[in-house]
PDB file of N, CA and C in Angstrom:
ATOM      1  N   MET A   1      20.893   9.826  -4.105  1.00  0.00           N
ATOM      2  CA  MET A   1      19.843   9.705  -3.306  1.00  0.00           C
ATOM      3  C   MET A   1      20.044   8.601  -2.162  1.00  0.00           C
ATOM      4  N   GLY A   2      20.951   7.669  -2.294  1.00  0.00           N
ATOM      5  CA  GLY A   2      21.347   6.780  -1.231  1.00  0.00           C
ATOM      6  C   GLY A   2      21.533   7.363   0.037  1.00  0.00           C
ATOM      7  N   ILE A   3      22.206   8.506  -0.032  1.00  0.00           N
ATOM      8  CA  ILE A   3      22.664   9.183   1.114  1.00  0.00           C
ATOM      9  C   ILE A   3      21.366   9.451   2.123  1.00  0.00           C
ATOM     10  N   ARG A   4      20.332   9.953   1.659  1.00  0.00           N
ATOM     11  CA  ARG A   4      19.135  10.208   2.444  1.00  0.00           C
ATOM     12  C   ARG A   4      18.565   8.944   3.180  1.00  0.00           C
ATOM     13  N   LYS A   5      18.756   7.764   2.417  1.00  0.00           N
ATOM     14  CA  LYS A   5      18.244   6.561   2.912  1.00  0.00           C
ATOM     15  C   LYS A   5      19.137   5.963   4.067  1.00  0.00           C
ATOM     16  N   LEU A   6      20.403   6.370   3.829  1.00  0.00           N
ATOM     17  CA  LEU A   6      21.433   6.017   4.819  1.00  0.00           C
ATOM     18  C   LEU A   6      21.126   6.780   6.227  1.00  0.00           C
ATOM     19  N   ILE A   7      20.959   8.085   6.027  1.00  0.00           N
ATOM     20  CA  ILE A   7      20.721   8.886   7.087  1.00  0.00           C
ATOM     21  C   ILE A   7      19.315   8.367   7.898  1.00  0.00           C
ATOM     22  N   GLU A   8      18.452   8.169   7.219  1.00  0.00           N
ATOM     23  CA  GLU A   8      17.029   7.816   7.706  1.00  0.00           C
ATOM     24  C   GLU A   8      17.287   6.574   8.463  1.00  0.00           C
ATOM     25  N   ALA A   9      18.267   5.462   7.922  1.00  0.00           N
ATOM     26  CA  ALA A   9      18.419   4.295   8.607  1.00  0.00           C
ATOM     27  C   ALA A   9      19.106   4.569   9.948  1.00  0.00           C
ATOM     28  N   ILE A  10      20.154   5.465   9.884  1.00  0.00           N
ATOM     29  CA  ILE A  10      20.927   5.655  11.117  1.00  0.00           C
ATOM     30  C   ILE A  10      19.875   6.557  12.167  1.00  0.00           C
ATOM     31  N   ALA A  11      19.121   7.354  11.626  1.00  0.00           N
ATOM     32  CA  ALA A  11      18.068   7.998  12.546  1.00  0.00           C
ATOM     33  C   ALA A  11      17.198   6.884  13.330  1.00  0.00           C
ATOM     34  N   LYS A  12      16.618   5.984  12.482  1.00  0.00           N
ATOM     35  CA  LYS A  12      15.988   4.867  13.019  1.00  0.00           C
ATOM     36  C   LYS A  12      16.542   4.207  14.103  1.00  0.00           C
ATOM     37  N   PHE A  13      17.913   3.819  13.608  1.00  0.00           N
ATOM     38  CA  PHE A  13      18.844   2.980  14.631  1.00  0.00           C
ATOM     39  C   PHE A  13      19.112   3.856  15.900  1.00  0.00           C
ATOM     40  N   THR A  14      19.363   5.147  15.857  1.00  0.00           N
ATOM     41  CA  THR A  14      19.539   5.946  16.970  1.00  0.00           C
ATOM     42  C   THR A  14      18.287   6.089  17.691  1.00  0.00           C
ATOM     43  N   CYS A  15      17.125   5.981  17.220  1.00  0.00           N
ATOM     44  CA  CYS A  15      15.861   6.049  17.894  1.00  0.00           C
ATOM     45  C   CYS A  15      15.668   4.793  18.774  1.00  0.00           C
ATOM     46  N   GLU A  16      16.115   3.641  18.138  1.00  0.00           N
ATOM     47  CA  GLU A  16      15.852   2.384  18.832  1.00  0.00           C
ATOM     48  C   GLU A  16      16.841   2.172  19.913  1.00  0.00           C
ATOM     49  N   MET A  17      18.002   2.910  19.860  1.00  0.00           N
ATOM     50  CA  MET A  17      19.003   2.903  20.723  1.00  0.00           C
ATOM     51  C   MET A  17      18.519   3.643  22.048  1.00  0.00           C
ATOM     52  N   CYS A  18      18.177   4.999  21.611  1.00  0.00           N
ATOM     53  CA  CYS A  18      17.708   5.852  22.696  1.00  0.00           C
ATOM     54  C   CYS A  18      16.369   5.490  23.228  1.00  0.00           C
ATOM     55  N   GLY A  19      15.608   4.826  22.397  1.00  0.00           N
ATOM     56  CA  GLY A  19      14.074   4.641  22.778  1.00  0.00           C
ATOM     57  C   GLY A  19      13.373   5.896  22.697  1.00  0.00           C
ATOM     58  N   GLU A  20      13.778   6.873  21.836  1.00  0.00           N
ATOM     59  CA  GLU A  20      13.062   8.064  21.753  1.00  0.00           C
ATOM     60  C   GLU A  20      12.854   8.441  20.220  1.00  0.00           C
ATOM     61  N   LYS A  21      11.924   9.147  19.934  1.00  0.00           N
ATOM     62  CA  LYS A  21      11.560   9.535  18.599  1.00  0.00           C
ATOM     63  C   LYS A  21      12.100  10.955  18.386  1.00  0.00           C
ATOM     64  N   VAL A  22      12.626  11.599  19.455  1.00  0.00           N
ATOM     65  CA  VAL A  22      13.119  13.023  19.408  1.00  0.00           C
ATOM     66  C   VAL A  22      14.247  12.999  18.384  1.00  0.00           C
ATOM     67  N   ASN A  23      15.108  11.993  18.332  1.00  0.00           N
ATOM     68  CA  ASN A  23      16.376  12.072  17.412  1.00  0.00           C
ATOM     69  C   ASN A  23      15.932  11.847  16.088  1.00  0.00           C
ATOM     70  N   ARG A  24      14.980  11.230  15.807  1.00  0.00           N
ATOM     71  CA  ARG A  24      14.335  11.103  14.341  1.00  0.00           C
ATOM     72  C   ARG A  24      13.903  12.459  13.995  1.00  0.00           C
ATOM     73  N   LEU A  25      13.344  13.288  14.837  1.00  0.00           N
ATOM     74  CA  LEU A  25      12.697  14.704  14.513  1.00  0.00           C
ATOM     75  C   LEU A  25      13.996  15.523  14.071  1.00  0.00           C
ATOM     76  N   VAL A  26      15.027  15.315  15.022  1.00  0.00           N
ATOM     77  CA  VAL A  26      16.091  16.276  14.755  1.00  0.00           C
ATOM     78  C   VAL A  26      16.949  15.780  13.484  1.00  0.00           C
ATOM     79  N   PHE A  27      16.937  14.482  13.174  1.00  0.00           N
ATOM     80  CA  PHE A  27      17.498  14.341  11.891  1.00  0.00           C
ATOM     81  C   PHE A  27      16.689  14.771  10.645  1.00  0.00           C
ATOM     82  N   SER A  28      15.329  14.681  10.847  1.00  0.00           N
ATOM     83  CA  SER A  28      14.483  15.200   9.752  1.00  0.00           C
ATOM     84  C   SER A  28      14.553  16.814   9.541  1.00  0.00           C
ATOM     85  N   GLN A  29      14.877  17.550  10.599  1.00  0.00           N
ATOM     86  CA  GLN A  29      15.050  19.102  10.570  1.00  0.00           C
ATOM     87  C   GLN A  29      16.496  19.216   9.873  1.00  0.00           C
ATOM     88  N   TYR A  30      17.440  18.365  10.320  1.00  0.00           N
ATOM     89  CA  TYR A  30      18.756  18.485   9.717  1.00  0.00           C
ATOM     90  C   TYR A  30      18.547  18.352   8.298  1.00  0.00           C
ATOM     91  N   LEU A  31      17.963  17.421   7.801  1.00  0.00           N
ATOM     92  CA  LEU A  31      17.736  17.157   6.333  1.00  0.00           C
ATOM     93  C   LEU A  31      16.960  18.464   5.651  1.00  0.00           C
ATOM     94  N   MET A  32      16.238  18.907   6.267  1.00  0.00           N
ATOM     95  CA  MET A  32      15.413  20.052   5.882  1.00  0.00           C
ATOM     96  C   MET A  32      16.249  21.223   5.565  1.00  0.00           C
ATOM     97  N   GLN A  33      17.356  21.467   6.413  1.00  0.00           N
ATOM     98  CA  GLN A  33      18.193  22.606   6.240  1.00  0.00           C
ATOM     99  C   GLN A  33      19.200  22.609   5.084  1.00  0.00           C
TER     100      GLN A  33
END
Protein backbone atom coordinates (compact mmCIF):
# COMPACT_ATOMS: atom_id res chain seq x y z
CA MET A 1 0.00 0.00 0.00
CA GLY A 2 3.08 2.21 0.23
CA ILE A 3 3.18 2.50 -3.57
CA ARG A 4 -0.05 4.48 -3.64
CA LYS A 5 1.30 6.91 -1.04
CA LEU A 6 4.45 7.30 -3.13
CA ILE A 7 2.42 8.04 -6.27
CA GLU A 8 0.29 10.56 -4.37
CA ALA A 9 3.46 12.26 -3.13
CA ILE A 10 4.83 12.40 -6.68
CA ALA A 11 1.51 13.78 -7.94
CA LYS A 12 1.55 16.50 -5.29
CA PHE A 13 5.18 17.32 -6.12
CA THR A 14 4.33 17.51 -9.82
CA CYS A 15 1.45 19.87 -9.08
CA GLU A 16 3.71 22.16 -7.08
CA MET A 17 6.27 22.12 -9.89
CA CYS A 18 3.74 22.92 -12.63
CA GLY A 19 1.49 25.03 -10.44
CA GLU A 20 -1.52 23.12 -11.76
CA LYS A 21 -3.96 20.64 -10.27
CA VAL A 22 -4.55 18.94 -13.61
CA ASN A 23 -1.60 16.60 -13.10
CA ARG A 24 -3.09 15.39 -9.82
CA LEU A 25 -6.37 14.60 -11.58
CA VAL A 26 -4.47 12.64 -14.22
CA PHE A 27 -2.67 10.65 -11.52
CA SER A 28 -6.01 9.98 -9.79
CA GLN A 29 -7.54 8.66 -13.01
CA TYR A 30 -4.41 6.58 -13.61
CA LEU A 31 -4.82 4.96 -10.18
CA MET A 32 -8.49 4.21 -10.89
CA GLN A 33 -7.60 2.21 -14.02
